[in-house]
Amino acid sequence: METRHRRVNRRDCENCETDARAFVDEIKVRILVEGDLDEEQVERVRYIAGRCPVTRTLEAKPTILHEVEVVG
């Protein structure tokens, strides 16, 4: 599996919803499968990949909290 991240200008993004932000984060996941899969099997792999916990968390637009604890 390969992943890539880039910031894309909203007007150059094919699958982006319209909102006030000028840029969006685009994460591309490329799944490499060795073997002979028919189109139905490829679609099943794509479906399963879209339901993984990491994908679902990122799609939910989580709130990120940074906590700094100084000890010592």
Protein backbone atom coordinates (compact mmCIF):
# COMPACT_ATOMS: atom_id res chain seq x y z
CA MET A 1 0.00 0.00 0.00
CA GLU A 2 1.22 3.49 -0.82
CA THR A 3 -0.14 6.75 0.53
CA ARG A 4 0.40 10.35 -0.55
CA HIS A 5 -0.71 13.61 0.98
CA ARG A 6 -0.95 17.00 -0.67
CA ARG A 7 -2.74 20.33 -0.27
CA VAL A 8 -4.98 21.04 -3.22
CA ASN A 9 -6.56 24.33 -4.21
CA ARG A 10 -10.30 23.78 -3.85
CA ARG A 11 -11.05 24.86 -7.42
CA ASP A 12 -8.62 22.17 -8.71
CA CYS A 13 -10.25 19.42 -6.65
CA GLU A 14 -12.66 17.19 -8.56
CA ASN A 15 -14.43 15.56 -5.59
CA CYS A 16 -14.52 18.40 -3.06
CA GLU A 17 -17.57 20.02 -1.58
CA THR A 18 -17.74 23.78 -1.68
CA ASP A 19 -17.00 25.67 1.51
CA ALA A 20 -15.02 28.71 2.64
CA ARG A 21 -11.58 27.05 2.77
CA ALA A 22 -9.32 27.72 -0.22
CA PHE A 23 -7.32 24.51 0.16
CA VAL A 24 -8.13 20.93 1.09
CA ASP A 25 -5.94 18.05 2.21
CA GLU A 26 -6.00 15.21 -0.29
CA ILE A 27 -4.85 11.76 0.83
CA LYS A 28 -4.44 9.21 -1.93
CA VAL A 29 -4.21 5.53 -0.98
CA ARG A 30 -2.99 3.09 -3.59
CA ILE A 31 -3.59 -0.57 -2.78
CA LEU A 32 -1.37 -3.01 -4.65
CA VAL A 33 -2.83 -6.50 -5.06
CA GLU A 34 -0.94 -9.33 -6.68
CA GLY A 35 -3.05 -11.79 -8.60
CA ASP A 36 -5.92 -11.94 -11.03
CA LEU A 37 -8.97 -10.12 -9.65
CA ASP A 38 -12.15 -9.46 -11.57
CA GLU A 39 -13.89 -6.06 -11.36
CA GLU A 40 -16.25 -7.24 -8.61
CA GLN A 41 -13.31 -8.29 -6.44
CA VAL A 42 -11.53 -4.99 -7.07
CA GLU A 43 -14.67 -3.10 -6.01
CA ARG A 44 -14.89 -5.26 -2.86
CA VAL A 45 -11.29 -4.39 -1.92
CA ARG A 46 -12.08 -0.68 -2.51
CA TYR A 47 -15.21 -0.98 -0.33
CA ILE A 48 -13.33 -2.68 2.52
CA ALA A 49 -10.51 -0.10 2.35
CA GLY A 50 -13.09 2.67 2.67
CA ARG A 51 -14.46 1.13 5.85
CA CYS A 52 -11.15 0.79 7.72
CA PRO A 53 -10.96 2.62 11.08
CA VAL A 54 -8.33 5.11 9.90
CA THR A 55 -10.34 6.13 6.84
CA ARG A 56 -13.53 6.45 8.85
CA THR A 57 -11.80 8.59 11.49
CA LEU A 58 -10.31 10.94 8.90
CA GLU A 59 -13.63 11.28 7.07
CA ALA A 60 -15.35 12.21 10.34
CA LYS A 61 -13.19 15.36 10.57
CA PRO A 62 -11.96 14.68 14.11
CA THR A 63 -11.05 17.37 16.59
CA ILE A 64 -7.35 17.23 17.38
CA LEU A 65 -6.28 18.31 20.85
CA HIS A 66 -2.59 18.92 21.58
CA GLU A 67 -1.60 18.36 25.19
CA VAL A 68 1.85 19.20 26.52
CA GLU A 69 2.88 17.82 29.88
CA VAL A 70 6.17 18.93 31.34
CA VAL A 71 7.58 16.55 33.96
CA GLY A 72 10.74 16.66 35.99
